[in-house]
PDB file of N, CA and C in Angstrom:
ATOM      1  N   MET A   1     117.601  50.934  71.816  1.00  0.00           N
ATOM      2  CA  MET A   1     116.814  51.442  73.612  1.00  0.00           C
ATOM      3  C   MET A   1     117.339  50.704  74.449  1.00  0.00           C
ATOM      4  N   TYR A   2     116.563  49.832  73.402  1.00  0.00           N
ATOM      5  CA  TYR A   2     117.148  48.129  74.920  1.00  0.00           C
ATOM      6  C   TYR A   2     117.647  47.503  75.610  1.00  0.00           C
ATOM      7  N   GLY A   3     119.282  47.213  74.780  1.00  0.00           N
ATOM      8  CA  GLY A   3     120.668  46.814  74.922  1.00  0.00           C
ATOM      9  C   GLY A   3     121.346  47.876  75.882  1.00  0.00           C
ATOM     10  N   HIS A   4     121.327  49.262  75.726  1.00  0.00           N
ATOM     11  CA  HIS A   4     121.485  50.422  76.539  1.00  0.00           C
ATOM     12  C   HIS A   4     121.149  50.448  78.401  1.00  0.00           C
ATOM     13  N   MET A   5     119.179  50.049  78.028  1.00  0.00           N
ATOM     14  CA  MET A   5     118.989  50.053  79.423  1.00  0.00           C
ATOM     15  C   MET A   5     119.955  48.705  79.306  1.00  0.00           C
ATOM     16  N   MET A   6     119.629  47.160  78.889  1.00  0.00           N
ATOM     17  CA  MET A   6     119.553  46.335  79.577  1.00  0.00           C
ATOM     18  C   MET A   6     121.399  45.778  80.045  1.00  0.00           C
ATOM     19  N   HIS A   7     122.613  46.803  79.117  1.00  0.00           N
ATOM     20  CA  HIS A   7     123.275  46.654  80.082  1.00  0.00           C
ATOM     21  C   HIS A   7     124.238  48.364  81.262  1.00  0.00           C
ATOM     22  N   THR A   8     123.373  49.093  81.356  1.00  0.00           N
ATOM     23  CA  THR A   8     122.715  49.967  81.657  1.00  0.00           C
ATOM     24  C   THR A   8     122.636  49.635  83.527  1.00  0.00           C
ATOM     25  N   LEU A   9     121.547  48.337  83.382  1.00  0.00           N
ATOM     26  CA  LEU A   9     120.981  48.820  84.237  1.00  0.00           C
ATOM     27  C   LEU A   9     121.803  46.890  85.476  1.00  0.00           C
ATOM     28  N   LEU A  10     122.435  46.464  84.089  1.00  0.00           N
ATOM     29  CA  LEU A  10     123.359  45.240  85.384  1.00  0.00           C
ATOM     30  C   LEU A  10     124.613  46.148  85.663  1.00  0.00           C
ATOM     31  N   GLY A  11     124.893  47.116  85.007  1.00  0.00           N
ATOM     32  CA  GLY A  11     126.058  48.348  85.652  1.00  0.00           C
ATOM     33  C   GLY A  11     125.895  49.111  86.829  1.00  0.00           C
ATOM     34  N   VAL A  12     125.089  49.453  86.713  1.00  0.00           N
ATOM     35  CA  VAL A  12     124.227  49.543  88.293  1.00  0.00           C
ATOM     36  C   VAL A  12     123.952  48.166  89.138  1.00  0.00           C
ATOM     37  N   ILE A  13     123.480  47.407  89.462  1.00  0.00           N
ATOM     38  CA  ILE A  13     123.604  46.487  90.239  1.00  0.00           C
ATOM     39  C   ILE A  13     124.529  45.996  90.470  1.00  0.00           C
ATOM     40  N   ALA A  14     125.654  46.131  89.866  1.00  0.00           N
ATOM     41  CA  ALA A  14     127.129  45.353  90.541  1.00  0.00           C
ATOM     42  C   ALA A  14     127.789  46.732  91.001  1.00  0.00           C
ATOM     43  N   LEU A  15     127.719  47.758  90.809  1.00  0.00           N
ATOM     44  CA  LEU A  15     127.742  49.475  91.408  1.00  0.00           C
ATOM     45  C   LEU A  15     127.053  48.747  93.486  1.00  0.00           C
ATOM     46  N   LEU A  16     125.802  48.655  92.924  1.00  0.00           N
ATOM     47  CA  LEU A  16     125.480  48.135  94.498  1.00  0.00           C
ATOM     48  C   LEU A  16     126.239  47.094  94.976  1.00  0.00           C
ATOM     49  N   GLU A  17     125.737  46.289  94.653  1.00  0.00           N
ATOM     50  CA  GLU A  17     126.052  45.273  95.470  1.00  0.00           C
ATOM     51  C   GLU A  17     127.574  44.914  95.802  1.00  0.00           C
ATOM     52  N   LEU A  18     128.697  45.951  94.612  1.00  0.00           N
ATOM     53  CA  LEU A  18     130.113  46.108  94.866  1.00  0.00           C
ATOM     54  C   LEU A  18     129.865  47.089  96.173  1.00  0.00           C
ATOM     55  N   VAL A  19     129.251  48.169  96.956  1.00  0.00           N
ATOM     56  CA  VAL A  19     128.300  49.089  97.749  1.00  0.00           C
ATOM     57  C   VAL A  19     127.625  47.836  99.035  1.00  0.00           C
ATOM     58  N   VAL A  20     127.344  47.248  99.357  1.00  0.00           N
ATOM     59  CA  VAL A  20     126.400  46.726  99.675  1.00  0.00           C
ATOM     60  C   VAL A  20     127.388  45.352 100.368  1.00  0.00           C
ATOM     61  N   PHE A  21     127.611  44.445  99.421  1.00  0.00           N
ATOM     62  CA  PHE A  21     128.423  43.253  99.856  1.00  0.00           C
ATOM     63  C   PHE A  21     130.170  43.601 100.439  1.00  0.00           C
ATOM     64  N   ASN A  22     130.840  42.233 101.071  1.00  0.00           N
ATOM     65  CA  ASN A  22     132.324  42.445 100.808  1.00  0.00           C
ATOM     66  C   ASN A  22     132.813  41.444 100.808  1.00  0.00           C
ATOM     67  N   HIS A  23     133.259  41.113  99.529  1.00  0.00           N
ATOM     68  CA  HIS A  23     133.215  39.929  98.475  1.00  0.00           C
ATOM     69  C   HIS A  23     134.176  39.621  99.252  1.00  0.00           C
ATOM     70  N   GLN A  24     135.111  38.417  99.090  1.00  0.00           N
ATOM     71  CA  GLN A  24     136.127  38.142  99.504  1.00  0.00           C
ATOM     72  C   GLN A  24     137.022  37.732  97.645  1.00  0.00           C
ATOM     73  N   TYR A  25     138.135  39.285  97.605  1.00  0.00           N
ATOM     74  CA  TYR A  25     138.528  39.024  95.736  1.00  0.00           C
ATOM     75  C   TYR A  25     139.763  38.331  95.755  1.00  0.00           C
ATOM     76  N   PHE A  26     140.123  37.675  94.659  1.00  0.00           N
ATOM     77  CA  PHE A  26     141.809  37.631  94.764  1.00  0.00           C
ATOM     78  C   PHE A  26     141.948  38.371  94.685  1.00  0.00           C
ATOM     79  N   SER A  27     143.832  38.197  95.249  1.00  0.00           N
ATOM     80  CA  SER A  27     144.790  39.590  95.420  1.00  0.00           C
ATOM     81  C   SER A  27     144.671  39.905  93.564  1.00  0.00           C
ATOM     82  N   PHE A  28     145.163  41.377  93.507  1.00  0.00           N
ATOM     83  CA  PHE A  28     145.202  42.380  92.344  1.00  0.00           C
ATOM     84  C   PHE A  28     145.455  41.897  91.370  1.00  0.00           C
ATOM     85  N   ASN A  29     146.982  41.123  92.043  1.00  0.00           N
ATOM     86  CA  ASN A  29     147.353  41.088  90.463  1.00  0.00           C
ATOM     87  C   ASN A  29     147.127  39.562  90.240  1.00  0.00           C
ATOM     88  N   ASN A  30     146.561  38.093  91.003  1.00  0.00           N
ATOM     89  CA  ASN A  30     145.898  37.174  90.325  1.00  0.00           C
ATOM     90  C   ASN A  30     145.255  37.713  89.326  1.00  0.00           C
ATOM     91  N   GLY A  31     144.505  38.775  90.203  1.00  0.00           N
ATOM     92  CA  GLY A  31     142.753  38.995  89.279  1.00  0.00           C
ATOM     93  C   GLY A  31     142.826  39.622  88.056  1.00  0.00           C
ATOM     94  N   PHE A  32     144.097  40.375  88.113  1.00  0.00           N
ATOM     95  CA  PHE A  32     144.588  41.008  87.092  1.00  0.00           C
ATOM     96  C   PHE A  32     144.887  40.081  85.405  1.00  0.00           C
ATOM     97  N   VAL A  33     145.878  39.128  85.616  1.00  0.00           N
ATOM     98  CA  VAL A  33     146.292  37.804  85.781  1.00  0.00           C
ATOM     99  C   VAL A  33     144.576  37.546  84.840  1.00  0.00           C
ATOM    100  N   LEU A  34     143.536  37.054  85.878  1.00  0.00           N
ATOM    101  CA  LEU A  34     142.229  36.300  85.423  1.00  0.00           C
ATOM    102  C   LEU A  34     141.817  36.615  84.196  1.00  0.00           C
ATOM    103  N   CYS A  35     141.819  38.592  84.693  1.00  0.00           N
ATOM    104  CA  CYS A  35     140.254  39.141  83.251  1.00  0.00           C
ATOM    105  C   CYS A  35     141.263  39.479  81.948  1.00  0.00           C
ATOM    106  N   MET A  36     142.778  39.597  82.157  1.00  0.00           N
ATOM    107  CA  MET A  36     143.929  40.166  81.176  1.00  0.00           C
ATOM    108  C   MET A  36     143.599  38.335  80.374  1.00  0.00           C
ATOM    109  N   ALA A  37     143.227  37.373  80.925  1.00  0.00           N
ATOM    110  CA  ALA A  37     143.272  35.779  80.242  1.00  0.00           C
ATOM    111  C   ALA A  37     142.068  35.509  80.283  1.00  0.00           C
ATOM    112  N   PHE A  38     140.912  35.954  80.647  1.00  0.00           N
ATOM    113  CA  PHE A  38     139.562  35.923  80.267  1.00  0.00           C
ATOM    114  C   PHE A  38     139.575  37.101  78.867  1.00  0.00           C
ATOM    115  N   ALA A  39     139.993  37.756  78.687  1.00  0.00           N
ATOM    116  CA  ALA A  39     139.958  38.852  77.943  1.00  0.00           C
ATOM    117  C   ALA A  39     140.222  38.163  76.354  1.00  0.00           C
ATOM    118  N   GLY A  40     141.792  37.462  76.967  1.00  0.00           N
ATOM    119  CA  GLY A  40     142.297  36.535  75.303  1.00  0.00           C
ATOM    120  C   GLY A  40     141.346  35.699  74.561  1.00  0.00           C
ATOM    121  N   CYS A  41     141.163  34.878  75.815  1.00  0.00           N
ATOM    122  CA  CYS A  41     140.197  34.224  75.482  1.00  0.00           C
ATOM    123  C   CYS A  41     138.851  34.639  74.706  1.00  0.00           C
ATOM    124  N   TYR A  42     138.357  35.468  74.904  1.00  0.00           N
ATOM    125  CA  TYR A  42     137.874  36.317  74.018  1.00  0.00           C
ATOM    126  C   TYR A  42     137.333  36.131  72.615  1.00  0.00           C
ATOM    127  N   VAL A  43     139.033  37.167  73.088  1.00  0.00           N
ATOM    128  CA  VAL A  43     139.171  38.374  71.464  1.00  0.00           C
ATOM    129  C   VAL A  43     140.105  36.252  70.484  1.00  0.00           C
ATOM    130  N   THR A  44     139.669  35.398  71.500  1.00  0.00           N
ATOM    131  CA  THR A  44     140.469  34.472  70.143  1.00  0.00           C
ATOM    132  C   THR A  44     139.265  33.804  70.313  1.00  0.00           C
ATOM    133  N   TRP A  45     138.015  33.618  70.593  1.00  0.00           N
ATOM    134  CA  TRP A  45     136.564  33.081  70.206  1.00  0.00           C
ATOM    135  C   TRP A  45     136.492  33.695  68.537  1.00  0.00           C
ATOM    136  N   LEU A  46     136.207  35.194  69.300  1.00  0.00           N
ATOM    137  CA  LEU A  46     136.537  36.070  68.412  1.00  0.00           C
ATOM    138  C   LEU A  46     136.107  35.652  66.982  1.00  0.00           C
ATOM    139  N   TYR A  47     137.482  36.123  66.874  1.00  0.00           N
ATOM    140  CA  TYR A  47     138.402  35.536  65.662  1.00  0.00           C
ATOM    141  C   TYR A  47     138.858  33.866  64.835  1.00  0.00           C
ATOM    142  N   TYR A  48     138.200  33.185  65.994  1.00  0.00           N
ATOM    143  CA  TYR A  48     137.859  31.675  65.653  1.00  0.00           C
ATOM    144  C   TYR A  48     136.504  31.135  64.534  1.00  0.00           C
ATOM    145  N   VAL A  49     135.827  32.757  65.512  1.00  0.00           N
ATOM    146  CA  VAL A  49     134.027  32.135  64.832  1.00  0.00           C
ATOM    147  C   VAL A  49     134.263  32.963  63.396  1.00  0.00           C
ATOM    148  N   ARG A  50     135.088  33.618  63.278  1.00  0.00           N
ATOM    149  CA  ARG A  50     135.625  34.599  62.390  1.00  0.00           C
ATOM    150  C   ARG A  50     135.438  33.430  61.041  1.00  0.00           C
ATOM    151  N   TYR A  51     137.543  32.788  61.449  1.00  0.00           N
ATOM    152  CA  TYR A  51     138.125  31.980  60.467  1.00  0.00           C
ATOM    153  C   TYR A  51     136.261  30.409  60.002  1.00  0.00           C
ATOM    154  N   VAL A  52     135.801  29.989  61.537  1.00  0.00           N
ATOM    155  CA  VAL A  52     135.545  29.124  60.324  1.00  0.00           C
ATOM    156  C   VAL A  52     133.786  29.467  59.939  1.00  0.00           C
ATOM    157  N   GLY A  53     133.600  30.133  61.277  1.00  0.00           N
ATOM    158  CA  GLY A  53     132.524  30.505  60.503  1.00  0.00           C
ATOM    159  C   GLY A  53     132.018  31.477  59.378  1.00  0.00           C
ATOM    160  N   GLY A  54     132.689  32.034  58.716  1.00  0.00           N
ATOM    161  CA  GLY A  54     133.079  32.772  58.203  1.00  0.00           C
ATOM    162  C   GLY A  54     131.781  34.424  58.386  1.00  0.00           C
ATOM    163  N   LEU A  55     132.146  34.789  59.517  1.00  0.00           N
ATOM    164  CA  LEU A  55     131.396  36.147  60.288  1.00  0.00           C
ATOM    165  C   LEU A  55     131.558  36.407  61.765  1.00  0.00           C
ATOM    166  N   TRP A  56     131.621  37.560  61.160  1.00  0.00           N
ATOM    167  CA  TRP A  56     131.685  38.528  62.370  1.00  0.00           C
ATOM    168  C   TRP A  56     130.987  38.253  63.941  1.00  0.00           C
ATOM    169  N   ALA A  57     131.258  38.353  65.062  1.00  0.00           N
ATOM    170  CA  ALA A  57     129.936  38.300  66.145  1.00  0.00           C
ATOM    171  C   ALA A  57     129.022  40.196  66.309  1.00  0.00           C
ATOM    172  N   TYR A  58     129.863  40.720  65.786  1.00  0.00           N
ATOM    173  CA  TYR A  58     129.544  42.313  65.738  1.00  0.00           C
ATOM    174  C   TYR A  58     129.911  42.377  64.695  1.00  0.00           C
ATOM    175  N   PRO A  59     128.534  43.312  64.517  1.00  0.00           N
ATOM    176  CA  PRO A  59     128.581  44.540  62.522  1.00  0.00           C
ATOM    177  C   PRO A  59     129.450  45.601  62.786  1.00  0.00           C
ATOM    178  N   LEU A  60     129.857  45.959  63.598  1.00  0.00           N
ATOM    179  CA  LEU A  60     131.027  46.977  63.987  1.00  0.00           C
ATOM    180  C   LEU A  60     132.322  46.755  63.063  1.00  0.00           C
ATOM    181  N   PHE A  61     132.351  45.188  63.430  1.00  0.00           N
ATOM    182  CA  PHE A  61     133.694  44.070  62.901  1.00  0.00           C
ATOM    183  C   PHE A  61     133.456  44.741  61.253  1.00  0.00           C
ATOM    184  N   TYR A  62     132.549  44.803  60.256  1.00  0.00           N
ATOM    185  CA  TYR A  62     132.902  44.725  59.059  1.00  0.00           C
ATOM    186  C   TYR A  62     132.444  45.882  58.370  1.00  0.00           C
ATOM    187  N   ARG A  63     132.773  47.560  59.030  1.00  0.00           N
ATOM    188  CA  ARG A  63     133.004  48.072  58.618  1.00  0.00           C
ATOM    189  C   ARG A  63     134.554  48.571  59.114  1.00  0.00           C
ATOM    190  N   LEU A  64     135.053  47.967  60.334  1.00  0.00           N
ATOM    191  CA  LEU A  64     136.335  48.337  59.985  1.00  0.00           C
ATOM    192  C   LEU A  64     137.513  47.120  59.827  1.00  0.00           C
ATOM    193  N   THR A  65     137.368  47.846  58.296  1.00  0.00           N
ATOM    194  CA  THR A  65     138.563  47.333  57.127  1.00  0.00           C
ATOM    195  C   THR A  65     140.562  47.683  56.756  1.00  0.00           C
ATOM    196  N   LYS A  66     139.412  48.671  57.012  1.00  0.00           N
ATOM    197  CA  LYS A  66     140.962  49.573  57.300  1.00  0.00           C
ATOM    198  C   LYS A  66     142.354  48.599  58.363  1.00  0.00           C
ATOM    199  N   PRO A  67     144.125  48.979  57.789  1.00  0.00           N
ATOM    200  CA  PRO A  67     144.051  47.629  57.911  1.00  0.00           C
ATOM    201  C   PRO A  67     144.440  48.164  59.870  1.00  0.00           C
ATOM    202  N   TRP A  68     144.759  47.062  60.411  1.00  0.00           N
ATOM    203  CA  TRP A  68     144.452  47.423  61.487  1.00  0.00           C
ATOM    204  C   TRP A  68     143.763  48.072  62.750  1.00  0.00           C
ATOM    205  N   ARG A  69     142.571  49.065  62.271  1.00  0.00           N
ATOM    206  CA  ARG A  69     141.694  49.043  62.682  1.00  0.00           C
ATOM    207  C   ARG A  69     141.221  48.506  64.146  1.00  0.00           C
ATOM    208  N   ARG A  70     140.585  47.193  62.760  1.00  0.00           N
ATOM    209  CA  ARG A  70     139.955  46.690  64.462  1.00  0.00           C
ATOM    210  C   ARG A  70     140.957  46.072  65.110  1.00  0.00           C
ATOM    211  N   GLU A  71     141.938  45.631  65.291  1.00  0.00           N
ATOM    212  CA  GLU A  71     142.671  45.057  66.484  1.00  0.00           C
ATOM    213  C   GLU A  71     143.097  46.744  66.907  1.00  0.00           C
ATOM    214  N   ILE A  72     142.633  47.456  66.164  1.00  0.00           N
ATOM    215  CA  ILE A  72     143.316  48.955  67.351  1.00  0.00           C
ATOM    216  C   ILE A  72     142.164  49.012  68.441  1.00  0.00           C
ATOM    217  N   PHE A  73     140.901  49.116  67.842  1.00  0.00           N
ATOM    218  CA  PHE A  73     139.324  48.541  68.325  1.00  0.00           C
ATOM    219  C   PHE A  73     138.950  47.338  69.795  1.00  0.00           C
ATOM    220  N   ILE A  74     140.155  46.086  68.998  1.00  0.00           N
ATOM    221  CA  ILE A  74     139.678  45.377  70.308  1.00  0.00           C
ATOM    222  C   ILE A  74     140.745  46.007  71.662  1.00  0.00           C
ATOM    223  N   SER A  75     141.976  46.181  70.432  1.00  0.00           N
ATOM    224  CA  SER A  75     143.047  47.152  72.193  1.00  0.00           C
ATOM    225  C   SER A  75     142.212  47.860  73.646  1.00  0.00           C
ATOM    226  N   GLY A  76     141.468  48.921  72.356  1.00  0.00           N
ATOM    227  CA  GLY A  76     141.187  49.566  73.283  1.00  0.00           C
ATOM    228  C   GLY A  76     139.714  49.019  74.125  1.00  0.00           C
ATOM    229  N   VAL A  77     139.135  48.455  73.380  1.00  0.00           N
ATOM    230  CA  VAL A  77     138.328  47.767  74.784  1.00  0.00           C
ATOM    231  C   VAL A  77     138.497  47.146  75.992  1.00  0.00           C
ATOM    232  N   VAL A  78     139.965  46.195  75.427  1.00  0.00           N
ATOM    233  CA  VAL A  78     140.281  45.501  77.221  1.00  0.00           C
ATOM    234  C   VAL A  78     140.975  46.159  77.685  1.00  0.00           C
ATOM    235  N   SER A  79     142.338  46.928  77.200  1.00  0.00           N
ATOM    236  CA  SER A  79     142.356  48.313  78.103  1.00  0.00           C
ATOM    237  C   SER A  79     141.079  48.403  79.131  1.00  0.00           C
ATOM    238  N   PHE A  80     139.528  49.460  78.751  1.00  0.00           N
ATOM    239  CA  PHE A  80     138.812  50.142  78.984  1.00  0.00           C
ATOM    240  C   PHE A  80     138.206  48.858  80.063  1.00  0.00           C
ATOM    241  N   LEU A  81     138.292  47.056  79.981  1.00  0.00           N
ATOM    242  CA  LEU A  81     137.694  45.742  80.450  1.00  0.00           C
ATOM    243  C   LEU A  81     139.234  46.555  81.783  1.00  0.00           C
ATOM    244  N   LEU A  82     140.317  46.346  81.427  1.00  0.00           N
ATOM    245  CA  LEU A  82     141.305  46.211  82.203  1.00  0.00           C
ATOM    246  C   LEU A  82     140.896  47.374  83.483  1.00  0.00           C
ATOM    247  N   ALA A  83     140.563  48.544  82.290  1.00  0.00           N
ATOM    248  CA  ALA A  83     141.094  49.998  83.417  1.00  0.00           C
ATOM    249  C   ALA A  83     139.942  50.375  84.827  1.00  0.00           C
ATOM    250  N   PHE A  84     138.310  49.313  83.961  1.00  0.00           N
ATOM    251  CA  PHE A  84     138.026  48.902  84.737  1.00  0.00           C
ATOM    252  C   PHE A  84     137.705  47.899  86.017  1.00  0.00           C
ATOM    253  N   TYR A  85     138.322  47.007  85.897  1.00  0.00           N
ATOM    254  CA  TYR A  85     139.113  46.071  86.913  1.00  0.00           C
ATOM    255  C   TYR A  85     139.369  46.774  88.070  1.00  0.00           C
ATOM    256  N   CYS A  86     140.528  47.672  87.378  1.00  0.00           N
ATOM    257  CA  CYS A  86     141.119  48.681  88.995  1.00  0.00           C
ATOM    258  C   CYS A  86     140.681  49.098  89.405  1.00  0.00           C
ATOM    259  N   ILE A  87     139.420  49.738  88.993  1.00  0.00           N
ATOM    260  CA  ILE A  87     138.545  51.231  89.283  1.00  0.00           C
ATOM    261  C   ILE A  87     137.925  50.349  90.138  1.00  0.00           C
ATOM    262  N   GLN A  88     137.764  48.509  89.934  1.00  0.00           N
ATOM    263  CA  GLN A  88     136.754  48.397  90.609  1.00  0.00           C
ATOM    264  C   GLN A  88     137.233  47.830  91.571  1.00  0.00           C
ATOM    265  N   HIS A  89     138.817  47.296  91.996  1.00  0.00           N
ATOM    266  CA  HIS A  89     139.467  47.041  92.923  1.00  0.00           C
ATOM    267  C   HIS A  89     139.274  47.923  94.028  1.00  0.00           C
ATOM    268  N   GLY A  90     140.101  49.155  93.080  1.00  0.00           N
ATOM    269  CA  GLY A  90     139.960  50.369  94.376  1.00  0.00           C
ATOM    270  C   GLY A  90     139.048  50.878  94.359  1.00  0.00           C
ATOM    271  N   LEU A  91     137.703  51.092  94.476  1.00  0.00           N
ATOM    272  CA  LEU A  91     135.981  51.300  94.620  1.00  0.00           C
ATOM    273  C   LEU A  91     135.842  50.231  96.547  1.00  0.00           C
ATOM    274  N   HIS A  92     136.258  48.961  96.296  1.00  0.00           N
ATOM    275  CA  HIS A  92     136.381  47.722  96.982  1.00  0.00           C
ATOM    276  C   HIS A  92     136.508  48.223  97.863  1.00  0.00           C
ATOM    277  N   HIS A  93     138.371  48.633  97.508  1.00  0.00           N
ATOM    278  CA  HIS A  93     139.628  48.719  99.924  1.00  0.00           C
ATOM    279  C   HIS A  93     138.524  50.610 100.017  1.00  0.00           C
ATOM    280  N   ALA A  94     137.757  51.125  98.704  1.00  0.00           N
ATOM    281  CA  ALA A  94     137.858  52.772  99.654  1.00  0.00           C
ATOM    282  C   ALA A  94     136.411  52.238 100.571  1.00  0.00           C
ATOM    283  N   PHE A  95     135.308  51.010  99.847  1.00  0.00           N
ATOM    284  CA  PHE A  95     133.733  51.127 100.888  1.00  0.00           C
ATOM    285  C   PHE A  95     135.013  50.365 101.922  1.00  0.00           C
ATOM    286  N   HIS A  96     135.161  49.006 102.202  1.00  0.00           N
ATOM    287  CA  HIS A  96     135.491  47.623 102.678  1.00  0.00           C
ATOM    288  C   HIS A  96     136.927  48.072 103.123  1.00  0.00           C
ATOM    289  N   GLY A  97     138.153  48.247 102.967  1.00  0.00           N
ATOM    290  CA  GLY A  97     138.641  48.752 102.819  1.00  0.00           C
ATOM    291  C   GLY A  97     139.524  47.751 103.076  1.00  0.00           C
ATOM    292  N   ARG A  98     140.945  47.531 103.344  1.00  0.00           N
ATOM    293  CA  ARG A  98     141.374  46.569 102.460  1.00  0.00           C
ATOM    294  C   ARG A  98     141.306  45.235 103.730  1.00  0.00           C
ATOM    295  N   THR A  99     141.124  44.394 102.656  1.00  0.00           N
ATOM    296  CA  THR A  99     141.030  42.814 103.464  1.00  0.00           C
ATOM    297  C   THR A  99     141.289  41.301 103.101  1.00  0.00           C
ATOM    298  N   GLU A 100     141.335  40.670 103.238  1.00  0.00           N
ATOM    299  CA  GLU A 100     142.539  39.394 103.062  1.00  0.00           C
ATOM    300  C   GLU A 100     142.037  39.003 101.391  1.00  0.00           C
ATOM    301  N   ASP A 101     143.532  38.856 100.674  1.00  0.00           N
ATOM    302  CA  ASP A 101     141.856  38.533  99.536  1.00  0.00           C
ATOM    303  C   ASP A 101     141.971  36.636  99.587  1.00  0.00           C
ATOM    304  N   ALA A 102     141.378  36.360  98.495  1.00  0.00           N
ATOM    305  CA  ALA A 102     140.158  34.766  98.970  1.00  0.00           C
ATOM    306  C   ALA A 102     141.676  33.694  99.077  1.00  0.00           C
ATOM    307  N   CYS A 103     142.760  32.994  98.237  1.00  0.00           N
ATOM    308  CA  CYS A 103     143.588  32.641  97.970  1.00  0.00           C
ATOM    309  C   CYS A 103     144.931  32.337  99.648  1.00  0.00           C
ATOM    310  N   SER A 104     144.010  34.074  99.876  1.00  0.00           N
ATOM    311  CA  SER A 104     145.385  34.416 101.003  1.00  0.00           C
ATOM    312  C   SER A 104     145.088  33.485 102.070  1.00  0.00           C
ATOM    313  N   THR A 105     143.282  33.443 102.478  1.00  0.00           N
ATOM    314  CA  THR A 105     142.267  33.439 102.780  1.00  0.00           C
ATOM    315  C   THR A 105     142.363  31.979 103.280  1.00  0.00           C
ATOM    316  N   LYS A 106     142.435  31.384 102.543  1.00  0.00           N
ATOM    317  CA  LYS A 106     142.473  29.949 101.915  1.00  0.00           C
ATOM    318  C   LYS A 106     144.034  29.141 102.755  1.00  0.00           C
ATOM    319  N   GLN A 107     144.902  30.259 102.108  1.00  0.00           N
ATOM    320  CA  GLN A 107     146.265  29.150 102.861  1.00  0.00           C
ATOM    321  C   GLN A 107     146.288  29.097 104.494  1.00  0.00           C
ATOM    322  N   ASN A 108     145.795  30.592 105.029  1.00  0.00           N
ATOM    323  CA  ASN A 108     146.054  30.717 107.158  1.00  0.00           C
ATOM    324  C   ASN A 108     144.742  29.711 107.052  1.00  0.00           C
ATOM    325  N   ALA A 109     143.781  29.177 106.323  1.00  0.00           N
ATOM    326  CA  ALA A 109     143.414  28.263 107.477  1.00  0.00           C
ATOM    327  C   ALA A 109     143.566  26.968 106.504  1.00  0.00           C
ATOM    328  N   ALA A 110     143.911  26.310 106.035  1.00  0.00           N
ATOM    329  CA  ALA A 110     145.139  25.286 105.999  1.00  0.00           C
ATOM    330  C   ALA A 110     146.352  25.280 107.048  1.00  0.00           C
ATOM    331  N   THR A 111     147.146  26.766 106.773  1.00  0.00           N
ATOM    332  CA  THR A 111     147.991  26.666 108.257  1.00  0.00           C
ATOM    333  C   THR A 111     147.009  26.523 109.916  1.00  0.00           C
ATOM    334  N   ASN A 112     146.402  26.970 109.678  1.00  0.00           N
ATOM    335  CA  ASN A 112     145.798  26.924 111.243  1.00  0.00           C
ATOM    336  C   ASN A 112     146.200  25.744 111.366  1.00  0.00           C
ATOM    337  N   GLN A 113     144.743  25.386 110.320  1.00  0.00           N
ATOM    338  CA  GLN A 113     144.529  23.533 110.687  1.00  0.00           C
ATOM    339  C   GLN A 113     145.369  22.941 111.167  1.00  0.00           C
ATOM    340  N   SER A 114     146.689  22.949 110.362  1.00  0.00           N
ATOM    341  CA  SER A 114     147.737  22.194 109.955  1.00  0.00           C
ATOM    342  C   SER A 114     148.505  22.386 111.623  1.00  0.00           C
ATOM    343  N   LYS A 115     148.158  23.461 112.300  1.00  0.00           N
ATOM    344  CA  LYS A 115     148.569  23.880 113.566  1.00  0.00           C
ATOM    345  C   LYS A 115     147.828  23.242 114.619  1.00  0.00           C
ATOM    346  N   THR A 116     146.051  23.204 114.655  1.00  0.00           N
ATOM    347  CA  THR A 116     145.470  22.617 115.705  1.00  0.00           C
ATOM    348  C   THR A 116     146.010  21.237 116.111  1.00  0.00           C
ATOM    349  N   ASN A 117     145.987  20.302 114.322  1.00  0.00           N
ATOM    350  CA  ASN A 117     146.791  19.624 113.755  1.00  0.00           C
ATOM    351  C   ASN A 117     147.891  19.215 114.783  1.00  0.00           C
ATOM    352  N   LYS A 118     148.802  19.875 115.149  1.00  0.00           N
ATOM    353  CA  LYS A 118     149.801  19.625 115.638  1.00  0.00           C
ATOM    354  C   LYS A 118     149.840  19.880 116.946  1.00  0.00           C
ATOM    355  N   VAL A 119     148.591  20.830 117.751  1.00  0.00           N
ATOM    356  CA  VAL A 119     148.895  20.796 119.492  1.00  0.00           C
ATOM    357  C   VAL A 119     147.490  19.711 119.894  1.00  0.00           C
ATOM    358  N   ARG A 120     147.304  19.436 119.051  1.00  0.00           N
ATOM    359  CA  ARG A 120     146.261  18.090 119.275  1.00  0.00           C
ATOM    360  C   ARG A 120     147.073  17.018 119.392  1.00  0.00           C
ATOM    361  N   LYS A 121     148.311  16.787 118.763  1.00  0.00           N
ATOM    362  CA  LYS A 121     149.052  15.114 118.705  1.00  0.00           C
ATOM    363  C   LYS A 121     150.248  15.929 120.198  1.00  0.00           C
ATOM    364  N   VAL A 122     150.436  16.797 120.374  1.00  0.00           N
ATOM    365  CA  VAL A 122     151.349  17.111 121.162  1.00  0.00           C
ATOM    366  C   VAL A 122     149.695  16.725 122.563  1.00  0.00           C
ATOM    367  N   GLU A 123     149.577  17.323 122.795  1.00  0.00           N
ATOM    368  CA  GLU A 123     148.279  16.677 124.199  1.00  0.00           C
ATOM    369  C   GLU A 123     148.306  15.134 124.235  1.00  0.00           C
TER     370      GLU A 123
END
């Protein structure tokens, strides 16, 4: 019960933050690739801990002993993670409209700074 409450509370707080604050995120493609990279590292870490320590991080994995059951389960969890990323991205645009991503904002700032420097040199 305690674990359910803690995870649900985090979900509610994350949703409130999404509605209230307008953050600058990476572009959808960059964020999606980053999310996939994180999921890949986490799954690799799960298997590494199993290989080195001989135990699974989650007791459910001991029950998934038939061939490919564990891999199918992990693939499903990663698919949910990526689906939630897509939903979050869509909700952000629904509440705050389309905004420039963090990468292009930095590039635009650098471009504007270099233009400003060129104008100062001409004067």
